PDB file of N, CA and C in Angstrom:
ATOM      1  N   MET A   1    -124.687  82.923 109.646  1.00  0.00           N
ATOM      2  CA  MET A   1    -124.526  82.913 111.078  1.00  0.00           C
ATOM      3  C   MET A   1    -125.282  81.740 111.694  1.00  0.00           C
ATOM      4  N   GLN A   2    -126.392  81.351 111.108  1.00  0.00           N
ATOM      5  CA  GLN A   2    -127.153  80.220 111.633  1.00  0.00           C
ATOM      6  C   GLN A   2    -126.327  78.936 111.550  1.00  0.00           C
ATOM      7  N   TYR A   3    -125.502  78.825 110.510  1.00  0.00           N
ATOM      8  CA  TYR A   3    -124.624  77.667 110.340  1.00  0.00           C
ATOM      9  C   TYR A   3    -123.617  77.593 111.487  1.00  0.00           C
ATOM     10  N   VAL A   4    -123.088  78.739 111.877  1.00  0.00           N
ATOM     11  CA  VAL A   4    -122.117  78.811 112.971  1.00  0.00           C
ATOM     12  C   VAL A   4    -122.756  78.374 114.285  1.00  0.00           C
ATOM     13  N   ILE A   5    -123.941  78.877 114.559  1.00  0.00           N
ATOM     14  CA  ILE A   5    -124.634  78.517 115.798  1.00  0.00           C
ATOM     15  C   ILE A   5    -125.022  77.041 115.786  1.00  0.00           C
ATOM     16  N   ALA A   6    -125.478  76.539 114.639  1.00  0.00           N
ATOM     17  CA  ALA A   6    -125.863  75.135 114.529  1.00  0.00           C
ATOM     18  C   ALA A   6    -124.677  74.205 114.796  1.00  0.00           C
ATOM     19  N   ASN A   7    -123.488  74.626 114.415  1.00  0.00           N
ATOM     20  CA  ASN A   7    -122.291  73.816 114.647  1.00  0.00           C
ATOM     21  C   ASN A   7    -121.620  74.127 115.987  1.00  0.00           C
ATOM     22  N   LYS A   8    -122.281  74.944 116.798  1.00  0.00           N
ATOM     23  CA  LYS A   8    -121.813  75.299 118.140  1.00  0.00           C
ATOM     24  C   LYS A   8    -120.443  75.976 118.134  1.00  0.00           C
ATOM     25  N   TRP A   9    -120.160  76.717 117.058  1.00  0.00           N
ATOM     26  CA  TRP A   9    -118.927  77.514 117.007  1.00  0.00           C
ATOM     27  C   TRP A   9    -119.135  78.837 117.742  1.00  0.00           C
ATOM     28  N   ALA A  10    -120.370  79.228 117.903  1.00  0.00           N
ATOM     29  CA  ALA A  10    -120.738  80.415 118.689  1.00  0.00           C
ATOM     30  C   ALA A  10    -122.014  80.069 119.441  1.00  0.00           C
ATOM     31  N   THR A  11    -122.202  80.693 120.585  1.00  0.00           N
ATOM     32  CA  THR A  11    -123.365  80.349 121.406  1.00  0.00           C
ATOM     33  C   THR A  11    -124.576  81.223 121.121  1.00  0.00           C
ATOM     34  N   ASP A  12    -124.352  82.416 120.578  1.00  0.00           N
ATOM     35  CA  ASP A  12    -125.481  83.281 120.291  1.00  0.00           C
ATOM     36  C   ASP A  12    -125.183  84.152 119.075  1.00  0.00           C
ATOM     37  N   GLU A  13    -126.181  84.871 118.640  1.00  0.00           N
ATOM     38  CA  GLU A  13    -126.102  85.740 117.468  1.00  0.00           C
ATOM     39  C   GLU A  13    -125.443  87.066 117.877  1.00  0.00           C
ATOM     40  N   PRO A  14    -124.206  87.340 117.440  1.00  0.00           N
ATOM     41  CA  PRO A  14    -123.525  88.557 117.863  1.00  0.00           C
ATOM     42  C   PRO A  14    -124.119  89.834 117.265  1.00  0.00           C
ATOM     43  N   PHE A  15    -124.885  89.713 116.182  1.00  0.00           N
ATOM     44  CA  PHE A  15    -125.439  90.890 115.512  1.00  0.00           C
ATOM     45  C   PHE A  15    -126.894  91.153 115.882  1.00  0.00           C
ATOM     46  N   LEU A  16    -127.421  90.395 116.824  1.00  0.00           N
ATOM     47  CA  LEU A  16    -128.796  90.557 117.243  1.00  0.00           C
ATOM     48  C   LEU A  16    -128.999  91.948 117.848  1.00  0.00           C
ATOM     49  N   GLY A  17    -129.967  92.677 117.345  1.00  0.00           N
ATOM     50  CA  GLY A  17    -130.256  94.009 117.845  1.00  0.00           C
ATOM     51  C   GLY A  17    -129.435  95.115 117.187  1.00  0.00           C
ATOM     52  N   LYS A  18    -128.509  94.760 116.325  1.00  0.00           N
ATOM     53  CA  LYS A  18    -127.701  95.765 115.631  1.00  0.00           C
ATOM     54  C   LYS A  18    -128.443  96.248 114.395  1.00  0.00           C
ATOM     55  N   ARG A  19    -128.286  97.496 114.085  1.00  0.00           N
ATOM     56  CA  ARG A  19    -128.892  98.053 112.873  1.00  0.00           C
ATOM     57  C   ARG A  19    -127.778  98.511 111.951  1.00  0.00           C
ATOM     58  N   PHE A  20    -127.921  98.166 110.696  1.00  0.00           N
ATOM     59  CA  PHE A  20    -126.919  98.522 109.714  1.00  0.00           C
ATOM     60  C   PHE A  20    -127.524  99.456 108.684  1.00  0.00           C
ATOM     61  N   LYS A  21    -126.714 100.377 108.219  1.00  0.00           N
ATOM     62  CA  LYS A  21    -127.172 101.324 107.214  1.00  0.00           C
ATOM     63  C   LYS A  21    -126.285 101.201 105.975  1.00  0.00           C
ATOM     64  N   ARG A  22    -126.912 101.148 104.817  1.00  0.00           N
ATOM     65  CA  ARG A  22    -126.144 101.109 103.575  1.00  0.00           C
ATOM     66  C   ARG A  22    -125.580 102.484 103.278  1.00  0.00           C
ATOM     67  N   THR A  23    -124.352 102.497 102.830  1.00  0.00           N
ATOM     68  CA  THR A  23    -123.739 103.754 102.416  1.00  0.00           C
ATOM     69  C   THR A  23    -123.226 103.595 100.994  1.00  0.00           C
ATOM     70  N   VAL A  24    -123.242 104.671 100.253  1.00  0.00           N
ATOM     71  CA  VAL A  24    -122.751 104.655  98.885  1.00  0.00           C
ATOM     72  C   VAL A  24    -121.292 105.092  98.908  1.00  0.00           C
ATOM     73  N   ALA A  25    -120.424 104.273  98.356  1.00  0.00           N
ATOM     74  CA  ALA A  25    -119.001 104.592  98.321  1.00  0.00           C
ATOM     75  C   ALA A  25    -118.646 105.098  96.922  1.00  0.00           C
ATOM     76  N   GLU A  26    -117.878 106.160  96.896  1.00  0.00           N
ATOM     77  CA  GLU A  26    -117.400 106.664  95.613  1.00  0.00           C
ATOM     78  C   GLU A  26    -116.113 105.926  95.271  1.00  0.00           C
ATOM     79  N   ARG A  27    -116.119 105.264  94.142  1.00  0.00           N
ATOM     80  CA  ARG A  27    -114.970 104.466  93.743  1.00  0.00           C
ATOM     81  C   ARG A  27    -114.374 105.031  92.459  1.00  0.00           C
ATOM     82  N   GLU A  28    -113.068 105.050  92.436  1.00  0.00           N
ATOM     83  CA  GLU A  28    -112.368 105.498  91.244  1.00  0.00           C
ATOM     84  C   GLU A  28    -111.803 104.288  90.522  1.00  0.00           C
ATOM     85  N   ALA A  29    -111.684 104.387  89.217  1.00  0.00           N
ATOM     86  CA  ALA A  29    -111.071 103.321  88.432  1.00  0.00           C
ATOM     87  C   ALA A  29    -109.558 103.467  88.505  1.00  0.00           C
ATOM     88  N   LEU A  30    -108.847 102.349  88.397  1.00  0.00           N
ATOM     89  CA  LEU A  30    -107.388 102.395  88.392  1.00  0.00           C
ATOM     90  C   LEU A  30    -106.898 102.987  87.076  1.00  0.00           C
ATOM     91  N   THR A  31    -105.757 103.648  87.152  1.00  0.00           N
ATOM     92  CA  THR A  31    -105.157 104.197  85.928  1.00  0.00           C
ATOM     93  C   THR A  31    -104.463 103.071  85.179  1.00  0.00           C
ATOM     94  N   GLU A  32    -104.112 103.334  83.943  1.00  0.00           N
ATOM     95  CA  GLU A  32    -103.405 102.348  83.121  1.00  0.00           C
ATOM     96  C   GLU A  32    -102.078 101.957  83.778  1.00  0.00           C
ATOM     97  N   ALA A  33    -101.374 102.925  84.344  1.00  0.00           N
ATOM     98  CA  ALA A  33    -100.081 102.657  84.992  1.00  0.00           C
ATOM     99  C   ALA A  33    -100.270 101.774  86.231  1.00  0.00           C
ATOM    100  N   GLU A  34    -101.324 102.022  87.002  1.00  0.00           N
ATOM    101  CA  GLU A  34    -101.588 101.211  88.195  1.00  0.00           C
ATOM    102  C   GLU A  34    -101.929  99.778  87.815  1.00  0.00           C
ATOM    103  N   LEU A  35    -102.729  99.609  86.761  1.00  0.00           N
ATOM    104  CA  LEU A  35    -103.067  98.260  86.295  1.00  0.00           C
ATOM    105  C   LEU A  35    -101.824  97.517  85.836  1.00  0.00           C
ATOM    106  N   LYS A  36    -100.971  98.196  85.094  1.00  0.00           N
ATOM    107  CA  LYS A  36     -99.749  97.568  84.580  1.00  0.00           C
ATOM    108  C   LYS A  36     -98.847  97.156  85.743  1.00  0.00           C
ATOM    109  N   ARG A  37     -98.710  98.023  86.735  1.00  0.00           N
ATOM    110  CA  ARG A  37     -97.873  97.726  87.895  1.00  0.00           C
ATOM    111  C   ARG A  37     -98.401  96.505  88.640  1.00  0.00           C
ATOM    112  N   MET A  38     -99.712  96.376  88.757  1.00  0.00           N
ATOM    113  CA  MET A  38    -100.298  95.212  89.426  1.00  0.00           C
ATOM    114  C   MET A  38    -100.075  93.926  88.628  1.00  0.00           C
ATOM    115  N   MET A  39    -100.197  94.015  87.319  1.00  0.00           N
ATOM    116  CA  MET A  39    -100.009  92.826  86.487  1.00  0.00           C
ATOM    117  C   MET A  39     -98.560  92.350  86.503  1.00  0.00           C
ATOM    118  N   GLU A  40     -97.615  93.272  86.689  1.00  0.00           N
ATOM    119  CA  GLU A  40     -96.207  92.905  86.678  1.00  0.00           C
ATOM    120  C   GLU A  40     -95.694  92.504  88.064  1.00  0.00           C
ATOM    121  N   LEU A  41     -96.517  92.630  89.081  1.00  0.00           N
ATOM    122  CA  LEU A  41     -96.128  92.335  90.448  1.00  0.00           C
ATOM    123  C   LEU A  41     -95.942  90.824  90.633  1.00  0.00           C
ATOM    124  N   GLU A  42     -94.803  90.448  91.192  1.00  0.00           N
ATOM    125  CA  GLU A  42     -94.552  89.028  91.467  1.00  0.00           C
ATOM    126  C   GLU A  42     -94.994  88.724  92.900  1.00  0.00           C
ATOM    127  N   LEU A  43     -95.885  87.789  93.045  1.00  0.00           N
ATOM    128  CA  LEU A  43     -96.357  87.368  94.358  1.00  0.00           C
ATOM    129  C   LEU A  43     -95.661  86.093  94.772  1.00  0.00           C
ATOM    130  N   LYS A  44     -95.353  85.992  96.037  1.00  0.00           N
ATOM    131  CA  LYS A  44     -94.668  84.788  96.539  1.00  0.00           C
ATOM    132  C   LYS A  44     -95.664  83.802  97.073  1.00  0.00           C
TER     133      LYS A  44
END
């Protein structure tokens, strides 16, 4: 954010005074079928 302010892309710190809390996310692994489907997906 200091880089943004130094380059005058923003005039002040938008997160000043904000408090953030870490949260633990429960993540599941992809199944074999989901992985295969992603690998076979054609992207444009």
